[in-house]
Amino acid sequence: MEFDATALSGVWVLRPVGIDDERGSFARTFCAAEFREHGIDPHVEQCSCSRNPKAGTLRGLHVQRAPHGETKLVRCTRGEIFDVAVDLRPQSPTFGRFHSELLSDENATAVVIAPGVAHGFVSLVPDSEVWYQMSVAYEPDAATGVRWDDPDLAIPWPTDETPPFTVSARDRALPSLRSWSSS
């Protein structure tokens, strides 16, 4: 695997290095030793999968508050998504900044997201599926995040639709970045 660091500490873009032959291809998508070499928690406590039947389905921007912060490995196993990580660590020099990445079953790229960094995505094609590996179990009382459409973040979500997204009531009720930073 290739590990490409982003401007957000602890957020990595992973690209599999494949071997192609007459049978097809083969690539490693997870290796605990390689994660440790890059300072990434390799522990997997929980895996989840989201299915998104409609293009324009937005999930996020979600994070778990300490002490339930999670390292998250995110991969699009079917379809295509616009994936976003937002630094919500108050002492971080990149607080409030984001990194975006196009993830698809075609490019097999994945993103590692550090504890304290929110995650979200929008499905770009129908029937997109996203696979998550998390270092800690989901803790409902620690679940929070920030609004996907916060003007202070100014995330350039790709869409030609009006309204642009299918978003849950829970995600529409997430606080702004300014509210987050004052809490």
Protein backbone atom coordinates (compact mmCIF):
# COMPACT_ATOMS: atom_id res chain seq x y z
CA MET A 1 0.00 0.00 0.00
CA GLU A 2 1.03 3.57 -0.59
CA PHE A 3 0.42 5.92 2.36
CA ASP A 4 0.06 9.56 1.33
CA ALA A 5 -0.07 12.09 4.18
CA THR A 6 -2.55 14.97 3.87
CA ALA A 7 -2.35 18.47 5.34
CA LEU A 8 -4.40 17.18 8.31
CA SER A 9 -2.25 15.32 10.82
CA GLY A 10 -3.41 11.71 11.13
CA VAL A 11 -5.43 11.75 7.90
CA TRP A 12 -3.91 9.52 5.24
CA VAL A 13 -4.86 8.52 1.72
CA LEU A 14 -4.16 4.85 1.05
CA ARG A 15 -3.68 3.48 -2.42
CA PRO A 16 -3.37 -0.25 -2.94
CA VAL A 17 -0.46 -1.51 -4.99
CA GLY A 18 -1.91 -4.25 -7.11
CA ILE A 19 -0.52 -7.27 -8.87
CA ASP A 20 -2.23 -7.97 -12.18
CA ASP A 21 -2.13 -11.24 -14.09
CA GLU A 22 -4.39 -13.42 -16.23
CA ARG A 23 -6.67 -14.05 -13.22
CA GLY A 24 -7.30 -10.40 -12.54
CA SER A 25 -5.71 -8.39 -9.75
CA PHE A 26 -4.72 -8.73 -6.12
CA ALA A 27 -3.92 -5.96 -3.61
CA ARG A 28 -3.52 -5.69 0.13
CA THR A 29 -6.04 -3.27 1.65
CA PHE A 30 -5.06 -3.48 5.32
CA CYS A 31 -1.87 -4.40 7.17
CA ALA A 32 -1.52 -3.76 10.91
CA ALA A 33 2.29 -3.61 10.71
CA GLU A 34 2.21 -0.98 7.95
CA PHE A 35 -0.38 1.03 9.91
CA ARG A 36 1.86 0.98 13.01
CA GLU A 37 4.85 2.06 10.87
CA HIS A 38 2.86 5.18 9.92
CA GLY A 39 1.68 5.90 13.48
CA ILE A 40 -1.88 4.72 12.78
CA ASP A 41 -3.83 2.69 15.34
CA PRO A 42 -4.38 -0.66 13.58
CA HIS A 43 -6.89 -2.02 16.09
CA VAL A 44 -10.27 -2.86 14.54
CA GLU A 45 -13.10 -3.02 17.04
CA GLN A 46 -16.02 -2.60 14.68
CA CYS A 47 -16.81 -2.63 10.95
CA SER A 48 -19.82 -1.02 9.31
CA CYS A 49 -21.23 -0.67 5.82
CA SER A 50 -23.54 2.01 4.46
CA ARG A 51 -25.61 1.47 1.34
CA ASN A 52 -26.77 4.56 -0.47
CA PRO A 53 -29.41 3.80 -3.12
CA LYS A 54 -29.61 7.37 -4.42
CA ALA A 55 -26.91 9.66 -5.80
CA GLY A 56 -26.77 12.76 -3.63
CA THR A 57 -27.09 10.94 -0.31
CA LEU A 58 -25.03 12.83 2.26
CA ARG A 59 -23.84 11.35 5.54
CA GLY A 60 -21.93 13.40 8.08
CA LEU A 61 -19.96 15.19 9.21
CA HIS A 62 -19.63 12.77 12.16
CA VAL A 63 -17.12 12.38 14.99
CA GLN A 64 -17.08 10.74 18.42
CA ARG A 65 -15.98 12.89 21.35
CA ALA A 66 -13.09 11.77 23.58
CA PRO A 67 -12.56 9.39 25.21
CA HIS A 68 -14.40 7.53 22.45
CA GLY A 69 -12.42 9.02 19.56
CA GLU A 70 -11.91 6.54 16.77
CA THR A 71 -9.42 5.88 14.05
CA LYS A 72 -11.49 5.16 10.98
CA LEU A 73 -10.55 3.49 7.68
CA VAL A 74 -13.06 4.36 4.94
CA ARG A 75 -13.31 2.72 1.51
CA CYS A 76 -15.94 2.90 -1.24
CA THR A 77 -16.59 -0.72 -2.26
CA ARG A 78 -19.25 0.05 -4.86
CA GLY A 79 -19.97 3.21 -6.80
CA GLU A 80 -18.32 6.55 -6.12
CA ILE A 81 -18.32 9.08 -3.28
CA PHE A 82 -16.90 12.50 -2.49
CA ASP A 83 -15.32 11.90 0.92
CA VAL A 84 -14.46 14.64 3.43
CA ALA A 85 -12.46 14.79 6.67
CA VAL A 86 -12.71 17.92 8.88
CA ASP A 87 -10.25 18.60 11.70
CA LEU A 88 -12.23 19.26 14.90
CA ARG A 89 -9.29 18.93 17.31
CA PRO A 90 -9.28 22.26 19.21
CA GLN A 91 -5.49 22.40 19.71
CA SER A 92 -4.68 21.37 16.13
CA PRO A 93 -3.03 23.92 13.83
CA THR A 94 -5.42 22.72 11.11
CA PHE A 95 -8.61 23.05 13.20
CA GLY A 96 -11.55 23.75 10.89
CA ARG A 97 -9.70 22.73 7.73
CA PHE A 98 -10.80 19.83 5.57
CA HIS A 99 -9.41 17.27 3.17
CA SER A 100 -11.55 15.81 0.39
CA GLU A 101 -10.96 12.75 -1.75
CA LEU A 102 -12.80 10.94 -4.50
CA LEU A 103 -13.26 7.30 -3.46
CA SER A 104 -14.64 4.65 -5.79
CA ASP A 105 -14.66 0.95 -6.45
CA GLU A 106 -12.57 1.77 -9.54
CA ASN A 107 -9.70 3.59 -7.80
CA ALA A 108 -9.80 1.42 -4.63
CA THR A 109 -8.44 4.40 -2.67
CA ALA A 110 -9.15 4.56 1.06
CA VAL A 111 -8.84 7.27 3.71
CA VAL A 112 -7.62 6.87 7.29
CA ILE A 113 -9.16 9.40 9.66
CA ALA A 114 -7.66 10.18 13.06
CA PRO A 115 -9.61 10.55 16.31
CA GLY A 116 -11.09 14.04 16.58
CA VAL A 117 -11.46 14.43 12.83
CA ALA A 118 -15.04 14.42 11.53
CA HIS A 119 -16.00 12.36 8.50
CA GLY A 120 -18.70 12.64 5.89
CA PHE A 121 -19.41 11.92 2.25
CA VAL A 122 -21.92 12.31 -0.52
CA SER A 123 -22.71 9.48 -2.94
CA LEU A 124 -22.07 10.54 -6.52
CA VAL A 125 -23.79 7.60 -8.23
CA PRO A 126 -26.76 5.40 -7.28
CA ASP A 127 -26.13 2.26 -5.22
CA SER A 128 -22.85 3.43 -3.69
CA GLU A 129 -21.57 1.39 -0.77
CA VAL A 130 -19.06 2.49 1.86
CA TRP A 131 -17.08 0.18 4.18
CA TYR A 132 -15.73 1.45 7.51
CA GLN A 133 -13.28 -0.10 9.99
CA MET A 134 -13.20 1.61 13.40
CA SER A 135 -10.75 1.28 16.28
CA VAL A 136 -13.48 1.67 18.93
CA ALA A 137 -17.13 0.75 19.14
CA TYR A 138 -19.84 3.28 18.35
CA GLU A 139 -20.88 5.16 21.48
CA PRO A 140 -24.22 6.97 20.93
CA ASP A 141 -23.63 9.44 23.78
CA ALA A 142 -20.29 10.49 22.24
CA ALA A 143 -21.64 10.88 18.70
CA THR A 144 -21.65 14.42 17.34
CA GLY A 145 -20.26 16.39 14.43
CA VAL A 146 -20.63 19.60 12.47
CA ARG A 147 -22.97 20.73 9.70
CA TRP A 148 -22.03 19.68 6.20
CA ASP A 149 -23.18 23.04 4.77
CA ASP A 150 -21.42 25.29 7.30
CA PRO A 151 -20.25 28.42 5.43
CA ASP A 152 -17.16 28.61 7.66
CA LEU A 153 -16.05 25.25 6.24
CA ALA A 154 -17.02 26.12 2.64
CA ILE A 155 -16.72 22.51 1.47
CA PRO A 156 -17.18 22.38 -2.32
CA TRP A 157 -19.66 19.49 -2.35
CA PRO A 158 -20.18 18.36 -5.95
CA THR A 159 -23.81 18.37 -7.02
CA ASP A 160 -26.08 19.51 -9.81
CA GLU A 161 -29.25 18.62 -7.92
CA THR A 162 -31.76 20.91 -6.20
CA PRO A 163 -32.19 20.34 -3.35
CA PRO A 164 -28.65 19.07 -3.42
CA PHE A 165 -28.77 16.15 -1.02
CA THR A 166 -30.72 13.58 0.88
CA VAL A 167 -29.65 14.35 4.47
CA SER A 168 -30.98 12.88 7.72
CA ALA A 169 -32.74 15.09 10.26
CA ARG A 170 -29.95 14.22 12.71
CA ASP A 171 -27.27 15.51 10.33
CA ARG A 172 -29.27 18.67 9.55
CA ALA A 173 -29.32 19.38 13.31
CA LEU A 174 -25.55 19.14 13.84
CA PRO A 175 -23.92 22.31 15.23
CA SER A 176 -21.88 24.83 13.26
CA LEU A 177 -18.10 24.94 13.45
CA ARG A 178 -18.33 28.14 15.53
CA SER A 179 -20.61 26.36 18.03
CA TRP A 180 -18.20 23.43 18.09
CA SER A 181 -15.18 25.61 18.81
CA SER A 182 -16.92 27.42 21.66
CA SER A 183 -18.08 24.21 23.38
